[in-house]
Amino acid sequence: MVFLTRVEHFNAAHKLYNPGWSREKNDAVFGKCANDNWHGHNYELYVTVKGKPDPETGFVFDVKRLSLLIKEYVIEKVDHRNLNVDVEFLKGQFCSTENLAIGIWKQLIPHLPDGVQLHCIKLYETPRIYVEYFGD
């Protein structure tokens, strides 16, 4: 099995806030991330697929095609957006980086061809904070 990773970048804003909690509790749990005026991140997205190299091309998957899929189904929907308000695939969810990674997985999985499996979504919120999601 060979693993292939494509890295993409996007910028987006969000707010961590539980509407079922008081302002005080949100501030205590989320601190500055509960700011009424939102806050932004420069996200780094690592999408890893796996499979066996095609005997005719040597590729697990054409990396240019993978990049186009990521851009069409993820980047165009999240880049320079408010994740809490503007991103349809996050509607009704708490807008954590964990849930964003799961949402990205769900956006990509239907568009991969047979023989190519999505292995991991690794999403850096900051250079020191990231999540990894390997599916259910």
Protein backbone atom coordinates (compact mmCIF):
# COMPACT_ATOMS: atom_id res chain seq x y z
CA MET A 1 0.00 0.00 0.00
CA VAL A 2 1.34 3.44 -0.97
CA PHE A 3 0.26 6.66 0.74
CA LEU A 4 0.09 9.91 -1.23
CA THR A 5 -0.42 13.30 0.44
CA ARG A 6 -1.43 16.60 -1.13
CA VAL A 7 -1.13 19.81 0.90
CA GLU A 8 -3.45 22.76 0.37
CA HIS A 9 -3.95 26.03 2.23
CA PHE A 10 -6.95 28.18 3.10
CA ASN A 11 -7.87 31.07 5.38
CA ALA A 12 -11.11 31.17 7.32
CA ALA A 13 -12.74 32.66 10.38
CA HIS A 14 -14.87 31.01 13.03
CA LYS A 15 -16.08 31.36 16.58
CA LEU A 16 -16.19 28.72 19.27
CA TYR A 17 -19.40 29.33 21.14
CA ASN A 18 -22.06 27.05 22.57
CA PRO A 19 -25.42 28.85 22.36
CA GLY A 20 -26.77 26.65 25.16
CA TRP A 21 -24.26 28.13 27.60
CA SER A 22 -24.03 31.50 29.28
CA ARG A 23 -21.58 34.15 28.06
CA GLU A 24 -19.51 33.50 31.20
CA LYS A 25 -19.25 29.76 30.59
CA ASN A 26 -18.34 30.26 26.92
CA ASP A 27 -15.63 32.71 27.93
CA ALA A 28 -14.34 30.33 30.60
CA VAL A 29 -14.18 27.35 28.23
CA PHE A 30 -13.24 28.99 24.92
CA GLY A 31 -11.53 32.23 26.01
CA LYS A 32 -10.63 34.53 23.11
CA CYS A 33 -11.98 31.96 20.66
CA ALA A 34 -15.52 32.91 21.76
CA ASN A 35 -15.00 36.49 20.59
CA ASP A 36 -18.22 37.98 19.20
CA ASN A 37 -16.24 39.35 16.25
CA TRP A 38 -14.83 35.93 15.29
CA HIS A 39 -11.17 35.05 14.80
CA GLY A 40 -9.24 33.63 11.87
CA HIS A 41 -6.72 30.94 11.01
CA ASN A 42 -4.35 30.15 8.17
CA TYR A 43 -5.21 26.47 7.80
CA GLU A 44 -2.91 23.87 6.27
CA LEU A 45 -4.79 20.87 4.92
CA TYR A 46 -3.07 17.53 4.30
CA VAL A 47 -5.15 15.02 2.36
CA THR A 48 -3.68 11.51 2.27
CA VAL A 49 -4.99 8.80 -0.03
CA LYS A 50 -3.77 5.24 -0.29
CA GLY A 51 -3.76 2.48 -2.86
CA LYS A 52 -1.60 0.44 -5.16
CA PRO A 53 0.29 2.20 -7.94
CA ASP A 54 -1.26 1.82 -11.37
CA PRO A 55 1.01 -0.39 -13.49
CA GLU A 56 0.65 1.96 -16.49
CA THR A 57 1.35 5.29 -14.71
CA GLY A 58 3.05 4.34 -11.45
CA PHE A 59 0.56 6.61 -9.66
CA VAL A 60 -1.70 5.76 -6.74
CA PHE A 61 -3.76 8.72 -7.97
CA ASP A 62 -2.94 11.63 -10.27
CA VAL A 63 -1.87 14.32 -7.80
CA LYS A 64 -3.08 17.11 -10.11
CA ARG A 65 -6.53 15.53 -10.15
CA LEU A 66 -6.43 15.16 -6.35
CA SER A 67 -5.58 18.86 -6.05
CA LEU A 68 -8.50 19.79 -8.30
CA LEU A 69 -10.90 17.66 -6.23
CA ILE A 70 -9.71 19.28 -3.00
CA LYS A 71 -10.03 22.76 -4.48
CA GLU A 72 -13.50 22.13 -5.94
CA TYR A 73 -15.11 20.34 -3.00
CA VAL A 74 -13.31 21.96 -0.08
CA ILE A 75 -11.14 25.03 -0.70
CA GLU A 76 -13.69 26.91 -2.81
CA LYS A 77 -16.26 26.38 -0.06
CA VAL A 78 -14.12 27.40 2.94
CA ASP A 79 -11.41 29.81 1.78
CA HIS A 80 -11.92 33.36 3.07
CA ARG A 81 -15.26 32.34 4.61
CA ASN A 82 -16.84 32.44 8.01
CA LEU A 83 -17.06 28.74 8.84
CA ASN A 84 -19.97 29.25 11.26
CA VAL A 85 -22.08 31.15 8.73
CA ASP A 86 -20.96 30.55 5.14
CA VAL A 87 -20.09 26.86 4.87
CA GLU A 88 -23.05 24.67 4.02
CA PHE A 89 -21.41 21.37 5.02
CA LEU A 90 -20.87 22.73 8.56
CA LYS A 91 -24.42 24.02 9.10
CA GLY A 92 -25.87 22.96 12.44
CA GLN A 93 -22.52 21.75 13.79
CA PHE A 94 -20.17 23.12 16.38
CA CYS A 95 -17.41 24.77 14.36
CA SER A 96 -14.33 23.11 15.87
CA THR A 97 -11.31 22.05 13.86
CA GLU A 98 -12.26 18.46 14.67
CA ASN A 99 -15.67 18.85 13.05
CA LEU A 100 -14.14 20.73 10.13
CA ALA A 101 -11.79 17.79 9.45
CA ILE A 102 -14.73 15.36 9.52
CA GLY A 103 -16.68 17.64 7.17
CA ILE A 104 -13.77 17.80 4.73
CA TRP A 105 -13.56 13.99 4.76
CA LYS A 106 -17.26 13.76 3.91
CA GLN A 107 -16.83 16.28 1.08
CA LEU A 108 -14.03 14.29 -0.56
CA ILE A 109 -14.93 10.63 -0.04
CA PRO A 110 -17.66 10.43 -2.73
CA HIS A 111 -15.34 11.81 -5.40
CA LEU A 112 -12.45 9.37 -5.19
CA PRO A 113 -12.31 6.64 -7.85
CA ASP A 114 -12.41 2.92 -7.15
CA GLY A 115 -9.08 1.61 -5.90
CA VAL A 116 -8.18 4.86 -4.14
CA GLN A 117 -9.05 5.17 -0.46
CA LEU A 118 -9.05 8.29 1.66
CA HIS A 119 -6.64 7.53 4.48
CA CYS A 120 -6.35 10.72 6.53
CA ILE A 121 -7.35 14.34 6.79
CA LYS A 122 -4.73 16.27 8.75
CA LEU A 123 -5.73 19.85 9.42
CA TYR A 124 -3.42 22.41 11.02
CA GLU A 125 -5.29 25.26 12.70
CA THR A 126 -1.99 26.79 13.80
CA PRO A 127 1.60 25.58 13.47
CA ARG A 128 1.22 23.98 16.91
CA ILE A 129 -2.37 22.69 16.79
CA TYR A 130 -3.69 20.12 14.36
CA VAL A 131 -6.21 17.31 14.15
CA GLU A 132 -6.10 14.05 12.23
CA TYR A 133 -9.16 12.16 11.09
CA PHE A 134 -9.04 8.63 9.68
CA GLY A 135 -12.77 8.08 9.11
CA ASP A 136 -15.24 6.32 11.36
